[in-house]
Amino acid sequence: MTKFFLLMLSTGTLLYAGFTDFKTIEEANQAYEAGEYAKSATLLKGLETQSPQKSYDIGNALYKDKKYDEAIEAYDKAKGIDEATRQHNIGNTQFQKKEWDKAIEAYEKALELKEDEDTKFNLELAKEQKQKEEEQQKQEQQDQENQDDNKKQDQDDKKNQDQQNKDQKEQDKQKQDQKKNENKEGDKKEDNKKDQGKKENSDSKKEKKPQDKKDDKASGQPKDQKQMSKEEKLKEQELKRLMKKMGQNKTPTMMYQMGEGKEGERNEDAKPW
């Protein structure tokens, strides 16, 4: 529905004014008709006369100038003019401020005083705008709740993802630690195996001794005693050789037994051949 608000304005000659204010009133009306609403309101405020009609006209000028709060104040001071008209314009001003409940209240007061098609139309329009705004607010609230839910869901998903990443890192770390421990155990076993091999080699070397040393241990004879036995054996061989030679020459010879005495000294126990 497209229909403009009916704004009831008094555009005629302001008869309530004194003769001396006539020129000012004419200038205010001319400014209003020219769309110079601020100028019109200023001129009207300069009148010395105080009356409900003056406040009502100032309210109309301020309404046109879109100064709605000041217009409401002016209309409130305009009590005494036609009440249905005053409430109608108060309703229009509240409508422009989008204060739907106050606008509806003013229109309903105006209709209680006088039936008017424009007032009815404005009342229905105010109710439609109120319902539309409420639905829009409800939708915005629902959208905000959905947005909050989505945001919360995103936060929960991120939190879960972070936890999964943390758990995965922990599992990877445990696997790495387990692998390191296994490598350490393998190295330890390898070291033990090497140490065991070295020990076995060492024991094997200890068991492998020269045969003559084993014989020495088995005979129980000291090394110097064994060397003396060889010396005696050589002496015995030499003695046999000399005796054989003497037998061949058939020459008796005085022999001294070889012993441990000093060289050149005669052995008392030695006997001649």
Protein backbone atom coordinates (compact mmCIF):
# COMPACT_ATOMS: atom_id res chain seq x y z
CA MET A 1 0.00 0.00 0.00
CA THR A 2 1.33 3.39 -0.93
CA LYS A 3 -0.25 6.37 0.62
CA PHE A 4 1.28 9.48 2.15
CA PHE A 5 0.61 10.59 5.67
CA LEU A 6 -1.98 13.29 6.06
CA LEU A 7 -0.30 16.05 8.01
CA MET A 8 -2.82 18.61 9.21
CA LEU A 9 -1.21 22.01 9.03
CA SER A 10 -2.64 25.43 9.51
CA THR A 11 -1.46 27.42 6.52
CA GLY A 12 -3.97 30.26 6.67
CA THR A 13 -3.55 33.68 8.20
CA LEU A 14 -2.79 33.48 11.92
CA LEU A 15 -5.69 35.54 13.31
CA TYR A 16 -4.56 35.01 16.92
CA ALA A 17 -1.54 37.24 16.43
CA GLY A 18 -1.49 40.91 17.18
CA PHE A 19 -1.46 43.46 14.36
CA THR A 20 2.22 44.22 14.98
CA ASP A 21 3.15 40.53 14.39
CA PHE A 22 1.29 40.33 11.11
CA LYS A 23 4.41 40.87 8.99
CA THR A 24 6.33 38.16 10.86
CA ILE A 25 3.46 35.72 10.46
CA GLU A 26 3.35 36.36 6.71
CA GLU A 27 7.09 35.76 6.41
CA ALA A 28 6.75 32.50 8.39
CA ASN A 29 3.95 31.29 6.10
CA GLN A 30 5.95 32.18 2.99
CA ALA A 31 9.02 30.33 4.32
CA TYR A 32 6.87 27.31 5.11
CA GLU A 33 5.36 27.24 1.61
CA ALA A 34 8.86 27.59 0.13
CA GLY A 35 10.10 24.59 2.09
CA GLU A 36 12.25 26.70 4.39
CA TYR A 37 10.88 24.96 7.48
CA ALA A 38 13.68 25.86 9.89
CA LYS A 39 13.27 29.55 9.00
CA SER A 40 9.52 29.30 9.43
CA ALA A 41 9.91 27.71 12.88
CA THR A 42 12.39 30.38 13.91
CA LEU A 43 10.10 33.21 12.83
CA LEU A 44 7.17 31.68 14.67
CA LYS A 45 9.21 31.23 17.83
CA GLY A 46 10.00 35.00 17.67
CA LEU A 47 6.37 35.99 18.09
CA GLU A 48 5.54 37.52 21.42
CA THR A 49 2.12 35.92 21.44
CA GLN A 50 1.78 32.63 23.38
CA SER A 51 -1.05 30.31 22.28
CA PRO A 52 -1.76 26.63 21.49
CA GLN A 53 -2.06 27.53 17.81
CA LYS A 54 1.43 29.05 17.77
CA SER A 55 2.92 25.89 19.37
CA TYR A 56 1.00 23.69 16.92
CA ASP A 57 2.32 25.63 13.88
CA ILE A 58 5.86 25.50 15.28
CA GLY A 59 5.42 21.74 15.70
CA ASN A 60 4.36 21.43 12.06
CA ALA A 61 7.41 23.39 10.86
CA LEU A 62 9.76 21.31 13.02
CA TYR A 63 8.13 18.10 11.76
CA LYS A 64 8.80 19.17 8.17
CA ASP A 65 12.37 20.00 9.14
CA LYS A 66 12.70 16.42 10.50
CA LYS A 67 13.38 17.62 14.01
CA TYR A 68 10.97 15.10 15.49
CA ASP A 69 11.87 15.37 19.17
CA GLU A 70 11.39 19.17 19.12
CA ALA A 71 8.17 18.72 17.17
CA ILE A 72 6.78 16.40 19.89
CA GLU A 73 7.60 19.03 22.53
CA ALA A 74 5.78 21.66 20.48
CA TYR A 75 2.71 19.45 20.00
CA ASP A 76 2.59 18.72 23.72
CA LYS A 77 2.27 22.48 24.33
CA ALA A 78 -0.50 22.77 21.73
CA LYS A 79 -3.26 21.47 23.97
CA GLY A 80 -6.41 23.45 23.27
CA ILE A 81 -6.60 22.98 19.53
CA ASP A 82 -8.60 20.14 17.94
CA GLU A 83 -7.42 17.12 19.98
CA ALA A 84 -8.01 14.56 17.23
CA THR A 85 -5.82 16.61 14.90
CA ARG A 86 -3.11 17.07 17.55
CA GLN A 87 -3.03 13.32 18.34
CA HIS A 88 -2.95 12.53 14.61
CA ASN A 89 0.16 14.66 14.12
CA ILE A 90 1.76 13.27 17.31
CA GLY A 91 1.16 9.81 15.83
CA ASN A 92 2.82 10.86 12.56
CA THR A 93 5.86 12.19 14.42
CA GLN A 94 6.22 9.01 16.49
CA PHE A 95 5.85 7.01 13.25
CA GLN A 96 8.84 8.85 11.76
CA LYS A 97 10.83 7.99 14.90
CA LYS A 98 9.80 4.34 14.39
CA GLU A 99 8.32 4.25 17.85
CA TRP A 100 5.42 2.09 16.72
CA ASP A 101 3.68 1.58 20.05
CA LYS A 102 3.52 5.33 20.76
CA ALA A 103 2.36 6.02 17.21
CA ILE A 104 -0.40 3.37 17.47
CA GLU A 105 -1.49 4.82 20.82
CA ALA A 106 -1.75 8.35 19.38
CA TYR A 107 -3.71 7.19 16.30
CA GLU A 108 -6.13 5.20 18.45
CA LYS A 109 -6.73 8.27 20.67
CA ALA A 110 -7.41 10.33 17.57
CA LEU A 111 -9.92 7.76 16.24
CA GLU A 112 -11.69 7.63 19.59
CA LEU A 113 -12.38 11.33 19.20
CA LYS A 114 -13.14 11.35 15.50
CA GLU A 115 -13.37 8.82 12.69
CA ASP A 116 -10.85 9.63 9.95
CA GLU A 117 -9.75 7.49 7.01
CA ASP A 118 -6.21 8.87 6.98
CA THR A 119 -5.82 8.16 10.68
CA LYS A 120 -7.12 4.60 10.20
CA PHE A 121 -4.73 4.06 7.33
CA ASN A 122 -1.79 5.37 9.36
CA LEU A 123 -2.80 3.18 12.30
CA GLU A 124 -2.83 0.00 10.15
CA LEU A 125 0.45 0.99 8.55
CA ALA A 126 2.03 1.49 11.98
CA LYS A 127 0.81 -1.96 13.07
CA GLU A 128 2.21 -3.55 9.90
CA GLN A 129 5.57 -1.85 10.42
CA LYS A 130 5.64 -3.01 14.04
CA GLN A 131 4.90 -6.61 13.03
CA LYS A 132 7.46 -6.44 10.24
CA GLU A 133 10.10 -5.09 12.60
CA GLU A 134 9.32 -7.73 15.21
CA GLU A 135 9.62 -10.47 12.61
CA GLN A 136 12.85 -8.94 11.36
CA GLN A 137 14.19 -8.74 14.90
CA LYS A 138 13.14 -12.33 15.49
CA GLN A 139 14.86 -13.40 12.29
CA GLU A 140 17.96 -11.44 13.20
CA GLN A 141 17.91 -13.03 16.63
CA GLN A 142 17.55 -16.47 15.06
CA ASP A 143 20.36 -15.69 12.64
CA GLN A 144 22.51 -14.52 15.53
CA GLU A 145 21.74 -17.70 17.47
CA ASN A 146 22.59 -19.78 14.41
CA GLN A 147 25.76 -17.79 13.96
CA ASP A 148 26.64 -18.32 17.62
CA ASP A 149 25.89 -22.04 17.28
CA ASN A 150 28.03 -22.26 14.16
CA LYS A 151 30.78 -20.35 15.89
CA LYS A 152 30.56 -22.64 18.89
CA GLN A 153 30.56 -25.67 16.59
CA ASP A 154 33.61 -24.32 14.80
CA GLN A 155 35.32 -23.79 18.13
CA ASP A 156 34.42 -27.32 19.22
CA ASP A 157 35.64 -28.73 15.91
CA LYS A 158 38.88 -26.79 16.21
CA LYS A 159 39.28 -27.96 19.79
CA ASN A 160 38.68 -31.57 18.76
CA GLN A 161 41.09 -31.21 15.84
CA ASP A 162 43.72 -29.72 18.11
CA GLN A 163 43.23 -32.61 20.54
CA GLN A 164 43.52 -35.13 17.71
CA ASN A 165 46.70 -33.45 16.50
CA LYS A 166 48.04 -33.49 20.04
CA ASP A 167 47.16 -37.18 20.44
CA GLN A 168 48.76 -37.97 17.08
CA LYS A 169 51.94 -36.14 18.07
CA GLU A 170 51.99 -38.02 21.35
CA GLN A 171 51.57 -41.34 19.54
CA ASP A 172 54.34 -40.43 17.10
CA LYS A 173 56.58 -39.48 20.01
CA GLN A 174 55.84 -42.77 21.76
CA LYS A 175 56.67 -44.67 18.59
CA GLN A 176 59.93 -42.75 18.21
CA ASP A 177 60.82 -43.41 21.85
CA GLN A 178 59.97 -47.10 21.44
CA LYS A 179 62.10 -47.29 18.31
CA LYS A 180 64.99 -45.59 20.12
CA ASN A 181 64.67 -48.04 23.00
CA GLU A 182 64.62 -50.95 20.57
CA ASN A 183 67.74 -49.59 18.87
CA LYS A 184 69.42 -49.18 22.24
CA GLU A 185 68.51 -52.75 23.19
CA GLY A 186 69.85 -53.97 19.84
CA ASP A 187 73.07 -52.03 20.32
CA LYS A 188 73.36 -53.38 23.86
CA LYS A 189 72.89 -56.95 22.67
CA GLU A 190 75.43 -56.37 19.91
CA ASP A 191 77.90 -54.99 22.44
CA ASN A 192 77.30 -57.94 24.73
CA LYS A 193 77.81 -60.27 21.81
CA LYS A 194 81.08 -58.56 20.92
CA ASP A 195 82.22 -58.65 24.54
CA GLN A 196 81.35 -62.36 24.72
CA GLY A 197 83.31 -62.97 21.52
CA LYS A 198 86.31 -61.11 22.89
CA LYS A 199 86.10 -63.11 26.09
CA GLU A 200 85.91 -66.40 24.21
CA ASN A 201 88.88 -65.38 22.06
CA SER A 202 90.81 -64.41 25.19
CA ASP A 203 90.00 -67.73 26.86
CA SER A 204 90.98 -69.57 23.71
CA LYS A 205 94.36 -67.80 23.61
CA LYS A 206 94.95 -68.67 27.23
CA GLU A 207 94.28 -72.36 26.58
CA LYS A 208 96.61 -72.49 23.56
CA LYS A 209 100.16 -72.76 25.09
CA PRO A 210 103.42 -74.05 23.56
CA GLN A 211 103.96 -77.80 23.88
CA ASP A 212 107.36 -77.42 25.53
CA LYS A 213 105.86 -75.29 28.26
CA LYS A 214 103.27 -77.93 28.94
CA ASP A 215 106.10 -80.50 29.10
CA ASP A 216 107.99 -78.25 31.51
CA LYS A 217 104.98 -78.07 33.74
CA ALA A 218 104.41 -81.78 33.44
CA SER A 219 108.05 -82.67 34.31
CA GLY A 220 108.12 -80.28 37.15
CA GLN A 221 111.80 -79.52 36.47
CA PRO A 222 113.16 -76.00 36.52
CA LYS A 223 114.61 -74.55 33.33
CA ASP A 224 118.23 -74.29 34.61
CA GLN A 225 118.14 -77.96 35.68
CA LYS A 226 117.14 -78.98 32.18
CA GLN A 227 120.02 -76.99 30.71
CA MET A 228 122.48 -78.75 33.10
CA SER A 229 121.21 -82.08 31.92
CA LYS A 230 122.05 -81.15 28.39
CA GLU A 231 125.51 -80.05 29.50
CA GLU A 232 126.08 -83.33 31.26
CA LYS A 233 124.92 -85.12 28.16
CA LEU A 234 127.46 -83.24 26.11
CA LYS A 235 130.17 -84.08 28.61
CA GLU A 236 129.18 -87.71 28.46
CA GLN A 237 129.36 -87.70 24.69
CA GLU A 238 132.74 -86.01 24.78
CA LEU A 239 133.98 -88.54 27.28
CA LYS A 240 132.87 -91.42 25.12
CA ARG A 241 134.58 -89.87 22.14
CA LEU A 242 137.91 -89.54 24.03
CA MET A 243 137.73 -93.04 25.38
CA LYS A 244 137.09 -94.37 21.91
CA LYS A 245 140.07 -92.42 20.62
CA MET A 246 142.29 -93.73 23.40
CA GLY A 247 141.22 -97.24 22.61
CA GLN A 248 142.30 -96.81 19.06
CA ASN A 249 145.76 -95.37 20.03
CA LYS A 250 146.39 -98.02 22.73
CA THR A 251 148.19 -95.42 24.79
CA PRO A 252 147.60 -95.33 28.52
CA THR A 253 146.86 -91.88 29.64
CA MET A 254 146.17 -90.36 33.04
CA MET A 255 142.59 -89.00 32.93
CA TYR A 256 140.79 -86.91 35.43
CA GLN A 257 137.08 -87.11 35.81
CA MET A 258 135.37 -83.95 34.58
CA GLY A 259 133.63 -82.32 37.39
CA GLU A 260 132.86 -79.12 39.07
CA GLY A 261 136.49 -78.57 40.49
CA LYS A 262 138.81 -75.78 39.47
CA GLU A 263 140.78 -76.11 36.29
CA GLY A 264 144.26 -77.62 36.81
CA GLU A 265 143.39 -79.07 40.25
CA ARG A 266 143.48 -82.81 40.67
CA ASN A 267 140.47 -84.59 41.91
CA GLU A 268 141.46 -86.69 44.93
CA ASP A 269 138.89 -89.32 44.00
CA ALA A 270 140.12 -89.60 40.46
CA LYS A 271 141.87 -92.82 39.60
CA PRO A 272 144.36 -93.59 36.80
CA TRP A 273 143.51 -95.96 34.08
